[in-house]
Amino acid sequence: MGWKLALVVLLSLGAACTTAPNTVTPTPAPTMAMLTPYSTPTESATVLTPTPLANAQPTALIQPSATPFLYEIQKDDTLSVIAYRHNIALNDLLAANPGIDPNFLSIGTKIIIPAGEGNFAIGSTATPFPVQVNQPRCYPTSDGGLWCLALLENLYAQAIENVTASIALLSTNGDLLAQQTALPPTNMAAAESIFPVAAFFPAPVPPYSSSRIQLLSALQIIDTSRYLVSNILIVETFISSTSAILSGTVNFPQDQSPAQHLVIAAIAYDQYGNPIGIRKTEITTEEATNSLFPFEIQVFSLGPSIAKVDIFSEARP
């Protein structure tokens, strides 16, 4: 049994706005070229008068149909970038690849690019599953970057997956200055749950006046077999104003398939319930796991003092 432990700090994107301290590159919209049919004149010594045909019907122009194809994930790819590059809606890309996790794109993985139906900007996707979004709050980093976090709420009795949002930085005039995709720490959001998304704006961040969030995608989970049951038991918790350490075990029922991919996420909140820090641990294994997996995870605050910490897990076969 070989566990490889990878700590991934995720503090990564409708229309809520908020003021912020200080803050990157709008994305050009794709265009489609239209082909105009043409005819070549042929020289003729005699002008012929065409004879109309009885019951003649116009012939419909047969348009070539778009064909889905496979795309191999490259370094620095995100689903939003892939959707934009191939001129398709992000929701269509997620629907064509129900097993993919936007948080865990592996280089070399092949995904299906569905047939496009027209021009799409990153924000103009099909209507996602209803999710309530709250205004983002942004926190500058010591290296000149900016983390923006927001709470989303699944108000319905169905679990959802592949949730993405767009967080934009705006000028005082409402002009777009920078935009990033915001992701939750896990791919699945439970029914009637509240969860954060996070987006990072690298330095230099342009001076901005407010931030805005827009939901891009959220799909109802149809195939629940892609997720396993996992329960967290907290053994010890230490919380200071700037960080929190939690340790415990993740428990798996023995009558289900062994977990090959496990995510443990810790979310720090201030006294007002705003998310101020996210940390997640991803574990993969090539062998069957034990029914009990011990863990320790530390999460840091991006600004305000930590008042409480939530922790949850997600397991896949």
C-alpha atoms as a PDB file:
ATOM      1  CA  MET A   1       0.000   0.000   0.000  1.00  0.00           C
ATOM      2  CA  GLY A   2       1.663   3.186  -1.133  1.00  0.00           C
ATOM      3  CA  TRP A   3       0.396   6.578  -0.182  1.00  0.00           C
ATOM      4  CA  LYS A   4       1.658   9.659  -1.839  1.00  0.00           C
ATOM      5  CA  LEU A   5       0.815  12.785   0.064  1.00  0.00           C
ATOM      6  CA  ALA A   6       0.487  16.018  -1.807  1.00  0.00           C
ATOM      7  CA  LEU A   7      -0.375  19.204  -0.031  1.00  0.00           C
ATOM      8  CA  VAL A   8      -2.091  21.636  -2.311  1.00  0.00           C
ATOM      9  CA  VAL A   9      -2.863  25.063  -1.042  1.00  0.00           C
ATOM     10  CA  LEU A  10      -6.069  26.150  -2.677  1.00  0.00           C
ATOM     11  CA  LEU A  11      -6.998  29.624  -2.070  1.00  0.00           C
ATOM     12  CA  SER A  12      -7.996  30.041  -5.845  1.00  0.00           C
ATOM     13  CA  LEU A  13     -13.409  32.678  -8.895  1.00  0.00           C
ATOM     14  CA  GLY A  14     -24.583  35.993 -10.489  1.00  0.00           C
ATOM     15  CA  ALA A  15     -23.404  39.427  -9.515  1.00  0.00           C
ATOM     16  CA  ALA A  16     -22.349  40.517  -6.022  1.00  0.00           C
ATOM     17  CA  CYS A  17     -19.874  43.328  -5.405  1.00  0.00           C
ATOM     18  CA  THR A  18     -17.722  44.501  -2.541  1.00  0.00           C
ATOM     19  CA  THR A  19     -15.070  47.097  -1.896  1.00  0.00           C
ATOM     20  CA  ALA A  20     -11.485  45.991  -1.534  1.00  0.00           C
ATOM     21  CA  PRO A  21      -7.943  47.230  -0.843  1.00  0.00           C
ATOM     22  CA  ASN A  22      -5.726  47.166  -3.847  1.00  0.00           C
ATOM     23  CA  THR A  23      -5.801  45.065  -7.745  1.00  0.00           C
ATOM     24  CA  VAL A  24      -5.278  41.507 -14.350  1.00  0.00           C
ATOM     25  CA  THR A  25      -5.832  40.621 -17.944  1.00  0.00           C
ATOM     26  CA  PRO A  26      -9.113  40.497 -19.898  1.00  0.00           C
ATOM     27  CA  THR A  27      -9.488  37.581 -22.250  1.00  0.00           C
ATOM     28  CA  PRO A  28     -10.100  38.266 -25.963  1.00  0.00           C
ATOM     29  CA  ALA A  29     -13.352  36.910 -27.384  1.00  0.00           C
ATOM     30  CA  PRO A  30     -13.047  34.311 -30.121  1.00  0.00           C
ATOM     31  CA  THR A  31     -14.380  34.953 -33.609  1.00  0.00           C
ATOM     32  CA  MET A  32     -15.660  32.612 -36.278  1.00  0.00           C
ATOM     33  CA  ALA A  33     -14.974  33.156 -39.959  1.00  0.00           C
ATOM     34  CA  MET A  34     -17.915  32.738 -42.333  1.00  0.00           C
ATOM     35  CA  LEU A  35     -17.332  31.106 -45.736  1.00  0.00           C
ATOM     36  CA  THR A  36     -19.163  32.757 -48.630  1.00  0.00           C
ATOM     37  CA  PRO A  37     -20.018  30.468 -51.572  1.00  0.00           C
ATOM     38  CA  TYR A  38     -18.936  31.784 -54.967  1.00  0.00           C
ATOM     39  CA  SER A  39     -19.366  30.867 -58.642  1.00  0.00           C
ATOM     40  CA  THR A  40     -16.872  31.106 -61.484  1.00  0.00           C
ATOM     41  CA  PRO A  41     -18.213  32.631 -64.736  1.00  0.00           C
ATOM     42  CA  THR A  42     -17.668  30.630 -67.917  1.00  0.00           C
ATOM     43  CA  GLU A  43     -17.158  32.390 -71.253  1.00  0.00           C
ATOM     44  CA  SER A  44     -19.915  31.699 -73.780  1.00  0.00           C
ATOM     45  CA  ALA A  45     -20.706  33.013 -77.227  1.00  0.00           C
ATOM     46  CA  THR A  46     -24.428  32.427 -76.873  1.00  0.00           C
ATOM     47  CA  VAL A  47     -26.634  33.799 -74.133  1.00  0.00           C
ATOM     48  CA  LEU A  48     -29.094  31.113 -73.015  1.00  0.00           C
ATOM     49  CA  THR A  49     -32.484  31.962 -71.548  1.00  0.00           C
ATOM     50  CA  PRO A  50     -33.203  29.699 -68.570  1.00  0.00           C
ATOM     51  CA  THR A  51     -36.478  27.773 -68.586  1.00  0.00           C
ATOM     52  CA  PRO A  52     -38.268  27.721 -65.237  1.00  0.00           C
ATOM     53  CA  LEU A  53     -38.960  24.295 -63.797  1.00  0.00           C
ATOM     54  CA  ALA A  54     -42.441  23.425 -62.644  1.00  0.00           C
ATOM     55  CA  ASN A  55     -42.650  22.614 -58.941  1.00  0.00           C
ATOM     56  CA  ALA A  56     -39.018  23.577 -58.449  1.00  0.00           C
ATOM     57  CA  GLN A  57     -38.001  23.637 -54.788  1.00  0.00           C
ATOM     58  CA  PRO A  58     -34.941  25.345 -53.323  1.00  0.00           C
ATOM     59  CA  THR A  59     -32.264  22.958 -52.134  1.00  0.00           C
ATOM     60  CA  ALA A  60     -31.195  23.405 -48.536  1.00  0.00           C
ATOM     61  CA  LEU A  61     -27.490  23.951 -48.016  1.00  0.00           C
ATOM     62  CA  ILE A  62     -26.074  21.016 -46.078  1.00  0.00           C
ATOM     63  CA  GLN A  63     -23.840  22.308 -43.289  1.00  0.00           C
ATOM     64  CA  PRO A  64     -20.936  20.196 -42.037  1.00  0.00           C
ATOM     65  CA  SER A  65     -21.608  18.889 -38.528  1.00  0.00           C
ATOM     66  CA  ALA A  66     -19.130  19.478 -35.732  1.00  0.00           C
ATOM     67  CA  THR A  67     -17.584  16.334 -34.320  1.00  0.00           C
ATOM     68  CA  PRO A  68     -16.494  15.772 -30.712  1.00  0.00           C
ATOM     69  CA  PHE A  69     -12.831  14.911 -30.239  1.00  0.00           C
ATOM     70  CA  LEU A  70     -10.308  14.097 -27.528  1.00  0.00           C
ATOM     71  CA  TYR A  71      -8.017  16.713 -26.013  1.00  0.00           C
ATOM     72  CA  GLU A  72      -4.962  15.995 -23.870  1.00  0.00           C
ATOM     73  CA  ILE A  73      -4.511  18.161 -20.757  1.00  0.00           C
ATOM     74  CA  GLN A  74      -1.397  20.354 -20.992  1.00  0.00           C
ATOM     75  CA  LYS A  75       0.601  22.193 -18.341  1.00  0.00           C
ATOM     76  CA  ASP A  76      -1.257  25.207 -16.840  1.00  0.00           C
ATOM     77  CA  ASP A  77      -4.567  24.151 -18.439  1.00  0.00           C
ATOM     78  CA  THR A  78      -7.837  24.985 -16.691  1.00  0.00           C
ATOM     79  CA  LEU A  79     -11.310  23.973 -17.835  1.00  0.00           C
ATOM     80  CA  SER A  80     -12.247  27.608 -18.461  1.00  0.00           C
ATOM     81  CA  VAL A  81      -9.217  28.112 -20.682  1.00  0.00           C
ATOM     82  CA  ILE A  82      -9.912  24.880 -22.585  1.00  0.00           C
ATOM     83  CA  ALA A  83     -13.572  25.842 -23.101  1.00  0.00           C
ATOM     84  CA  TYR A  84     -12.601  29.311 -24.315  1.00  0.00           C
ATOM     85  CA  ARG A  85      -9.892  27.961 -26.621  1.00  0.00           C
ATOM     86  CA  HIS A  86     -12.311  25.546 -28.296  1.00  0.00           C
ATOM     87  CA  ASN A  87     -15.199  27.998 -28.472  1.00  0.00           C
ATOM     88  CA  ILE A  88     -17.587  25.984 -26.313  1.00  0.00           C
ATOM     89  CA  ALA A  89     -19.579  26.620 -23.152  1.00  0.00           C
ATOM     90  CA  LEU A  90     -17.925  25.572 -19.909  1.00  0.00           C
ATOM     91  CA  ASN A  91     -21.078  23.739 -18.829  1.00  0.00           C
ATOM     92  CA  ASP A  92     -21.025  21.738 -22.090  1.00  0.00           C
ATOM     93  CA  LEU A  93     -17.415  20.745 -21.430  1.00  0.00           C
ATOM     94  CA  LEU A  94     -18.264  19.610 -17.901  1.00  0.00           C
ATOM     95  CA  ALA A  95     -21.345  17.727 -19.082  1.00  0.00           C
ATOM     96  CA  ALA A  96     -19.251  15.863 -21.670  1.00  0.00           C
ATOM     97  CA  ASN A  97     -16.738  14.870 -18.972  1.00  0.00           C
ATOM     98  CA  PRO A  98     -18.786  14.080 -15.848  1.00  0.00           C
ATOM     99  CA  GLY A  99     -15.891  12.285 -14.154  1.00  0.00           C
ATOM    100  CA  ILE A 100     -13.400  15.150 -14.355  1.00  0.00           C
ATOM    101  CA  ASP A 101     -12.456  17.217 -11.319  1.00  0.00           C
ATOM    102  CA  PRO A 102     -11.616  20.902 -12.106  1.00  0.00           C
ATOM    103  CA  ASN A 103      -9.419  20.913  -8.996  1.00  0.00           C
ATOM    104  CA  PHE A 104      -7.373  17.923 -10.127  1.00  0.00           C
ATOM    105  CA  LEU A 105      -6.410  18.146 -13.812  1.00  0.00           C
ATOM    106  CA  SER A 106      -3.528  15.786 -14.543  1.00  0.00           C
ATOM    107  CA  ILE A 107      -1.196  16.486 -17.465  1.00  0.00           C
ATOM    108  CA  GLY A 108      -1.755  13.871 -20.156  1.00  0.00           C
ATOM    109  CA  THR A 109      -5.363  13.114 -19.193  1.00  0.00           C
ATOM    110  CA  LYS A 110      -7.642  12.988 -22.250  1.00  0.00           C
ATOM    111  CA  ILE A 111     -11.021  14.723 -22.128  1.00  0.00           C
ATOM    112  CA  ILE A 112     -13.854  15.019 -24.642  1.00  0.00           C
ATOM    113  CA  ILE A 113     -14.292  18.335 -26.424  1.00  0.00           C
ATOM    114  CA  PRO A 114     -17.975  18.428 -27.432  1.00  0.00           C
ATOM    115  CA  ALA A 115     -19.215  19.909 -30.691  1.00  0.00           C
ATOM    116  CA  GLY A 116     -19.530  23.687 -30.398  1.00  0.00           C
ATOM    117  CA  GLU A 117     -22.650  25.572 -31.390  1.00  0.00           C
ATOM    118  CA  GLY A 118     -21.379  29.124 -31.652  1.00  0.00           C
ATOM    119  CA  ASN A 119     -19.318  31.775 -29.946  1.00  0.00           C
ATOM    120  CA  PHE A 120     -19.115  31.648 -26.172  1.00  0.00           C
ATOM    121  CA  ALA A 121     -17.304  33.920 -23.786  1.00  0.00           C
ATOM    122  CA  ILE A 122     -16.107  32.306 -20.592  1.00  0.00           C
ATOM    123  CA  GLY A 123     -19.022  33.769 -18.681  1.00  0.00           C
ATOM    124  CA  SER A 124     -21.772  32.960 -21.177  1.00  0.00           C
ATOM    125  CA  THR A 125     -22.373  29.318 -20.412  1.00  0.00           C
ATOM    126  CA  ALA A 126     -25.631  27.440 -20.201  1.00  0.00           C
ATOM    127  CA  THR A 127     -27.653  28.118 -17.062  1.00  0.00           C
ATOM    128  CA  PRO A 128     -26.059  26.085 -14.241  1.00  0.00           C
ATOM    129  CA  PHE A 129     -27.857  24.304 -11.426  1.00  0.00           C
ATOM    130  CA  PRO A 130     -29.178  27.016  -9.059  1.00  0.00           C
ATOM    131  CA  VAL A 131     -26.586  27.986  -6.462  1.00  0.00           C
ATOM    132  CA  GLN A 132     -26.703  31.100  -4.302  1.00  0.00           C
ATOM    133  CA  VAL A 133     -23.532  33.198  -4.425  1.00  0.00           C
ATOM    134  CA  ASN A 134     -22.323  35.723  -1.857  1.00  0.00           C
ATOM    135  CA  GLN A 135     -20.050  38.666  -2.486  1.00  0.00           C
ATOM    136  CA  PRO A 136     -16.319  37.890  -2.536  1.00  0.00           C
ATOM    137  CA  ARG A 137     -13.801  39.276  -0.082  1.00  0.00           C
ATOM    138  CA  CYS A 138     -10.233  39.811  -1.224  1.00  0.00           C
ATOM    139  CA  TYR A 139      -6.970  39.759   0.715  1.00  0.00           C
ATOM    140  CA  PRO A 140      -3.570  40.965  -0.600  1.00  0.00           C
ATOM    141  CA  THR A 141      -0.502  38.758  -0.177  1.00  0.00           C
ATOM    142  CA  SER A 142       3.035  39.728   0.722  1.00  0.00           C
ATOM    143  CA  ASP A 143       4.272  39.040  -2.818  1.00  0.00           C
ATOM    144  CA  GLY A 144       1.801  41.490  -4.407  1.00  0.00           C
ATOM    145  CA  GLY A 145      -0.864  38.946  -5.334  1.00  0.00           C
ATOM    146  CA  LEU A 146      -4.477  38.799  -4.222  1.00  0.00           C
ATOM    147  CA  TRP A 147      -6.709  35.991  -2.922  1.00  0.00           C
ATOM    148  CA  CYS A 148     -10.478  36.400  -3.330  1.00  0.00           C
ATOM    149  CA  LEU A 149     -12.858  34.064  -1.482  1.00  0.00           C
ATOM    150  CA  ALA A 150     -16.639  33.774  -1.578  1.00  0.00           C
ATOM    151  CA  LEU A 151     -19.306  31.554  -0.064  1.00  0.00           C
ATOM    152  CA  LEU A 152     -21.715  29.589  -2.262  1.00  0.00           C
ATOM    153  CA  GLU A 153     -24.815  27.823  -1.013  1.00  0.00           C
ATOM    154  CA  ASN A 154     -26.499  24.771  -2.505  1.00  0.00           C
ATOM    155  CA  LEU A 155     -30.102  25.319  -1.417  1.00  0.00           C
ATOM    156  CA  TYR A 156     -31.447  22.105  -2.883  1.00  0.00           C
ATOM    157  CA  ALA A 157     -31.736  18.507  -1.763  1.00  0.00           C
ATOM    158  CA  GLN A 158     -29.408  17.250  -4.515  1.00  0.00           C
ATOM    159  CA  ALA A 159     -25.633  17.125  -4.349  1.00  0.00           C
ATOM    160  CA  ILE A 160     -23.800  19.023  -7.101  1.00  0.00           C
ATOM    161  CA  GLU A 161     -20.380  18.834  -8.726  1.00  0.00           C
ATOM    162  CA  ASN A 162     -18.046  20.710 -11.089  1.00  0.00           C
ATOM    163  CA  VAL A 163     -18.823  24.072  -9.508  1.00  0.00           C
ATOM    164  CA  THR A 164     -16.893  26.995 -10.971  1.00  0.00           C
ATOM    165  CA  ALA A 165     -17.296  30.735 -10.685  1.00  0.00           C
ATOM    166  CA  SER A 166     -15.682  33.837 -12.124  1.00  0.00           C
ATOM    167  CA  ILE A 167     -14.346  36.561  -9.852  1.00  0.00           C
ATOM    168  CA  ALA A 168     -13.659  39.910 -11.508  1.00  0.00           C
ATOM    169  CA  LEU A 169     -11.889  43.039 -10.266  1.00  0.00           C
ATOM    170  CA  LEU A 170     -13.534  46.289 -11.364  1.00  0.00           C
ATOM    171  CA  SER A 171     -12.513  49.933 -11.552  1.00  0.00           C
ATOM    172  CA  THR A 172     -14.500  52.784  -9.997  1.00  0.00           C
ATOM    173  CA  ASN A 173     -16.281  53.120 -13.359  1.00  0.00           C
ATOM    174  CA  GLY A 174     -17.182  49.430 -13.415  1.00  0.00           C
ATOM    175  CA  ASP A 175     -14.588  48.523 -16.052  1.00  0.00           C
ATOM    176  CA  LEU A 176     -13.130  45.019 -15.948  1.00  0.00           C
ATOM    177  CA  LEU A 177      -9.517  45.058 -14.771  1.00  0.00           C
ATOM    178  CA  ALA A 178      -8.826  41.375 -14.078  1.00  0.00           C
ATOM    179  CA  GLN A 179     -10.699  38.094 -13.951  1.00  0.00           C
ATOM    180  CA  GLN A 180      -9.921  34.622 -12.584  1.00  0.00           C
ATOM    181  CA  THR A 181     -11.744  31.313 -12.215  1.00  0.00           C
ATOM    182  CA  ALA A 182     -12.709  30.427  -8.630  1.00  0.00           C
ATOM    183  CA  LEU A 183     -12.928  26.787  -7.522  1.00  0.00           C
ATOM    184  CA  PRO A 184     -14.108  25.026  -4.364  1.00  0.00           C
ATOM    185  CA  PRO A 185     -11.669  22.790  -2.440  1.00  0.00           C
ATOM    186  CA  THR A 186     -13.562  19.634  -3.473  1.00  0.00           C
ATOM    187  CA  ASN A 187     -15.359  18.671  -6.655  1.00  0.00           C
ATOM    188  CA  MET A 188     -18.622  17.714  -4.925  1.00  0.00           C
ATOM    189  CA  ALA A 189     -20.862  19.949  -2.802  1.00  0.00           C
ATOM    190  CA  ALA A 190     -23.355  18.164  -0.584  1.00  0.00           C
ATOM    191  CA  ALA A 191     -27.077  18.876  -0.650  1.00  0.00           C
ATOM    192  CA  GLU A 192     -28.117  21.981   1.317  1.00  0.00           C
ATOM    193  CA  SER A 193     -24.487  22.866   2.065  1.00  0.00           C
ATOM    194  CA  ILE A 194     -22.483  26.074   2.226  1.00  0.00           C
ATOM    195  CA  PHE A 195     -18.992  25.967   0.723  1.00  0.00           C
ATOM    196  CA  PRO A 196     -16.288  28.439  -0.366  1.00  0.00           C
ATOM    197  CA  VAL A 197     -14.631  29.105  -3.704  1.00  0.00           C
ATOM    198  CA  ALA A 198     -11.297  30.852  -4.084  1.00  0.00           C
ATOM    199  CA  ALA A 199      -9.366  32.561  -6.867  1.00  0.00           C
ATOM    200  CA  PHE A 200      -5.813  33.917  -6.930  1.00  0.00           C
ATOM    201  CA  PHE A 201      -4.719  37.021  -8.857  1.00  0.00           C
ATOM    202  CA  PRO A 202      -0.929  36.987  -9.366  1.00  0.00           C
ATOM    203  CA  ALA A 203       1.141  40.146  -9.019  1.00  0.00           C
ATOM    204  CA  PRO A 204       0.997  42.820 -10.199  1.00  0.00           C
ATOM    205  CA  VAL A 205      -2.643  43.377  -9.284  1.00  0.00           C
ATOM    206  CA  PRO A 206      -4.068  46.599 -10.775  1.00  0.00           C
ATOM    207  CA  PRO A 207      -5.662  49.104  -8.389  1.00  0.00           C
ATOM    208  CA  TYR A 208      -9.351  48.192  -8.210  1.00  0.00           C
ATOM    209  CA  SER A 209     -12.485  49.472  -6.535  1.00  0.00           C
ATOM    210  CA  SER A 210     -14.694  46.408  -6.175  1.00  0.00           C
ATOM    211  CA  SER A 211     -14.953  42.699  -6.934  1.00  0.00           C
ATOM    212  CA  ARG A 212     -17.770  40.718  -8.537  1.00  0.00           C
ATOM    213  CA  ILE A 213     -18.610  37.023  -8.688  1.00  0.00           C
ATOM    214  CA  GLN A 214     -20.612  35.111 -11.292  1.00  0.00           C
ATOM    215  CA  LEU A 215     -21.529  31.443 -11.198  1.00  0.00           C
ATOM    216  CA  LEU A 216     -20.229  29.634 -14.286  1.00  0.00           C
ATOM    217  CA  SER A 217     -21.151  26.001 -13.742  1.00  0.00           C
ATOM    218  CA  ALA A 218     -22.797  23.648 -11.270  1.00  0.00           C
ATOM    219  CA  LEU A 219     -24.078  20.222 -12.295  1.00  0.00           C
ATOM    220  CA  GLN A 220     -26.447  17.958 -10.424  1.00  0.00           C
ATOM    221  CA  ILE A 221     -24.800  14.619  -9.588  1.00  0.00           C
ATOM    222  CA  ILE A 222     -26.505  11.812 -11.470  1.00  0.00           C
ATOM    223  CA  ASP A 223     -23.934   9.031 -11.102  1.00  0.00           C
ATOM    224  CA  THR A 224     -23.224   8.800  -7.374  1.00  0.00           C
ATOM    225  CA  SER A 225     -20.971   5.744  -7.841  1.00  0.00           C
ATOM    226  CA  ARG A 226     -18.091   8.090  -8.665  1.00  0.00           C
ATOM    227  CA  TYR A 227     -17.947   9.183  -5.021  1.00  0.00           C
ATOM    228  CA  LEU A 228     -17.391   7.084  -1.899  1.00  0.00           C
ATOM    229  CA  VAL A 229     -18.658   7.522   1.632  1.00  0.00           C
ATOM    230  CA  SER A 230     -16.035   9.001   3.968  1.00  0.00           C
ATOM    231  CA  ASN A 231     -16.461  10.319   7.505  1.00  0.00           C
ATOM    232  CA  ILE A 232     -14.075  12.542   9.452  1.00  0.00           C
ATOM    233  CA  LEU A 233     -13.389  12.101  13.150  1.00  0.00           C
ATOM    234  CA  ILE A 234     -11.552  15.055  14.719  1.00  0.00           C
ATOM    235  CA  VAL A 235      -9.170  13.990  17.456  1.00  0.00           C
ATOM    236  CA  GLU A 236      -7.425  17.275  18.263  1.00  0.00           C
ATOM    237  CA  THR A 237      -7.860  20.946  17.278  1.00  0.00           C
ATOM    238  CA  PHE A 238      -5.575  23.902  17.950  1.00  0.00           C
ATOM    239  CA  ILE A 239      -6.728  27.371  16.832  1.00  0.00           C
ATOM    240  CA  SER A 240      -4.793  30.612  17.124  1.00  0.00           C
ATOM    241  CA  SER A 241      -5.584  33.992  15.552  1.00  0.00           C
ATOM    242  CA  THR A 242      -3.493  33.267  12.445  1.00  0.00           C
ATOM    243  CA  SER A 243      -3.600  29.489  11.979  1.00  0.00           C
ATOM    244  CA  ALA A 244      -5.342  26.290  12.999  1.00  0.00           C
ATOM    245  CA  ILE A 245      -4.140  22.678  13.180  1.00  0.00           C
ATOM    246  CA  LEU A 246      -6.563  19.761  13.079  1.00  0.00           C
ATOM    247  CA  SER A 247      -5.777  16.072  13.370  1.00  0.00           C
ATOM    248  CA  GLY A 248      -7.953  12.989  13.252  1.00  0.00           C
ATOM    249  CA  THR A 249      -8.976  10.116  11.009  1.00  0.00           C
ATOM    250  CA  VAL A 250     -10.992   9.599   7.847  1.00  0.00           C
ATOM    251  CA  ASN A 251     -13.206   6.520   8.151  1.00  0.00           C
ATOM    252  CA  PHE A 252     -14.378   4.393   5.207  1.00  0.00           C
ATOM    253  CA  PRO A 253     -17.149   1.790   5.323  1.00  0.00           C
ATOM    254  CA  GLN A 254     -15.661  -1.652   4.733  1.00  0.00           C
ATOM    255  CA  ASP A 255     -18.412  -2.726   2.332  1.00  0.00           C
ATOM    256  CA  GLN A 256     -17.484  -0.227  -0.403  1.00  0.00           C
ATOM    257  CA  SER A 257     -14.734  -0.021  -3.014  1.00  0.00           C
ATOM    258  CA  PRO A 258     -11.321   1.135  -1.744  1.00  0.00           C
ATOM    259  CA  ALA A 259     -10.557   4.834  -2.160  1.00  0.00           C
ATOM    260  CA  GLN A 260      -7.900   5.670  -4.735  1.00  0.00           C
ATOM    261  CA  HIS A 261      -8.199   9.456  -4.365  1.00  0.00           C
ATOM    262  CA  LEU A 262      -8.864  11.286  -1.099  1.00  0.00           C
ATOM    263  CA  VAL A 263      -9.203  15.022  -0.449  1.00  0.00           C
ATOM    264  CA  ILE A 264      -9.224  16.536   3.038  1.00  0.00           C
ATOM    265  CA  ALA A 265     -10.048  20.257   3.182  1.00  0.00           C
ATOM    266  CA  ALA A 266      -9.972  22.750   6.057  1.00  0.00           C
ATOM    267  CA  ILE A 267     -11.771  26.110   5.847  1.00  0.00           C
ATOM    268  CA  ALA A 268     -11.018  28.942   8.277  1.00  0.00           C
ATOM    269  CA  TYR A 269     -13.685  31.564   9.058  1.00  0.00           C
ATOM    270  CA  ASP A 270     -13.656  34.911  10.865  1.00  0.00           C
ATOM    271  CA  GLN A 271     -16.157  35.873  13.572  1.00  0.00           C
ATOM    272  CA  TYR A 272     -18.673  36.990  10.937  1.00  0.00           C
ATOM    273  CA  GLY A 273     -18.644  33.682   9.073  1.00  0.00           C
ATOM    274  CA  ASN A 274     -16.536  34.878   6.136  1.00  0.00           C
ATOM    275  CA  PRO A 275     -13.993  32.403   4.716  1.00  0.00           C
ATOM    276  CA  ILE A 276     -10.480  33.694   5.316  1.00  0.00           C
ATOM    277  CA  GLY A 277      -8.348  30.637   4.552  1.00  0.00           C
ATOM    278  CA  ILE A 278      -8.486  27.328   2.677  1.00  0.00           C
ATOM    279  CA  ARG A 279      -6.107  24.399   2.819  1.00  0.00           C
ATOM    280  CA  LYS A 280      -6.529  20.976   1.260  1.00  0.00           C
ATOM    281  CA  THR A 281      -4.570  17.760   1.230  1.00  0.00           C
ATOM    282  CA  GLU A 282      -4.820  15.320  -1.685  1.00  0.00           C
ATOM    283  CA  ILE A 283      -3.808  11.695  -1.266  1.00  0.00           C
ATOM    284  CA  THR A 284      -3.655   9.087  -4.009  1.00  0.00           C
ATOM    285  CA  THR A 285      -2.912   5.409  -3.664  1.00  0.00           C
ATOM    286  CA  GLU A 286      -2.439   2.504  -6.042  1.00  0.00           C
ATOM    287  CA  GLU A 287      -3.612  -0.054  -3.516  1.00  0.00           C
ATOM    288  CA  ALA A 288      -6.636  -0.606  -1.344  1.00  0.00           C
ATOM    289  CA  THR A 289      -6.842   1.763   1.606  1.00  0.00           C
ATOM    290  CA  ASN A 290      -7.422   0.911   5.220  1.00  0.00           C
ATOM    291  CA  SER A 291     -10.852   1.637   6.650  1.00  0.00           C
ATOM    292  CA  LEU A 292      -9.123   4.291   8.810  1.00  0.00           C
ATOM    293  CA  PHE A 293      -6.762   6.987   7.498  1.00  0.00           C
ATOM    294  CA  PRO A 294      -5.005   9.344   9.962  1.00  0.00           C
ATOM    295  CA  PHE A 295      -4.363  12.970   8.966  1.00  0.00           C
ATOM    296  CA  GLU A 296      -3.120  16.334  10.207  1.00  0.00           C
ATOM    297  CA  ILE A 297      -3.825  19.566   8.361  1.00  0.00           C
ATOM    298  CA  GLN A 298      -2.951  23.211   9.026  1.00  0.00           C
ATOM    299  CA  VAL A 299      -4.806  26.215   7.596  1.00  0.00           C
ATOM    300  CA  PHE A 300      -3.697  29.857   7.745  1.00  0.00           C
ATOM    301  CA  SER A 301      -5.669  33.096   7.817  1.00  0.00           C
ATOM    302  CA  LEU A 302      -5.280  35.581   4.975  1.00  0.00           C
ATOM    303  CA  GLY A 303      -6.111  38.500   7.279  1.00  0.00           C
ATOM    304  CA  PRO A 304      -8.683  38.514  10.100  1.00  0.00           C
ATOM    305  CA  SER A 305      -8.402  36.337  13.182  1.00  0.00           C
ATOM    306  CA  ILE A 306      -9.676  32.775  12.911  1.00  0.00           C
ATOM    307  CA  ALA A 307     -12.882  32.159  14.849  1.00  0.00           C
ATOM    308  CA  LYS A 308     -13.724  28.629  13.677  1.00  0.00           C
ATOM    309  CA  VAL A 309     -12.609  25.930  11.241  1.00  0.00           C
ATOM    310  CA  ASP A 310     -14.661  23.464   9.208  1.00  0.00           C
ATOM    311  CA  ILE A 311     -13.171  20.273   7.795  1.00  0.00           C
ATOM    312  CA  PHE A 312     -14.557  17.784   5.304  1.00  0.00           C
ATOM    313  CA  SER A 313     -13.424  15.023   2.967  1.00  0.00           C
ATOM    314  CA  GLU A 314     -14.116  13.644  -0.489  1.00  0.00           C
ATOM    315  CA  ALA A 315     -13.156  10.135  -1.626  1.00  0.00           C
ATOM    316  CA  ARG A 316     -13.239   8.452  -5.028  1.00  0.00           C
ATOM    317  CA  PRO A 317     -12.694   4.866  -6.138  1.00  0.00           C
END
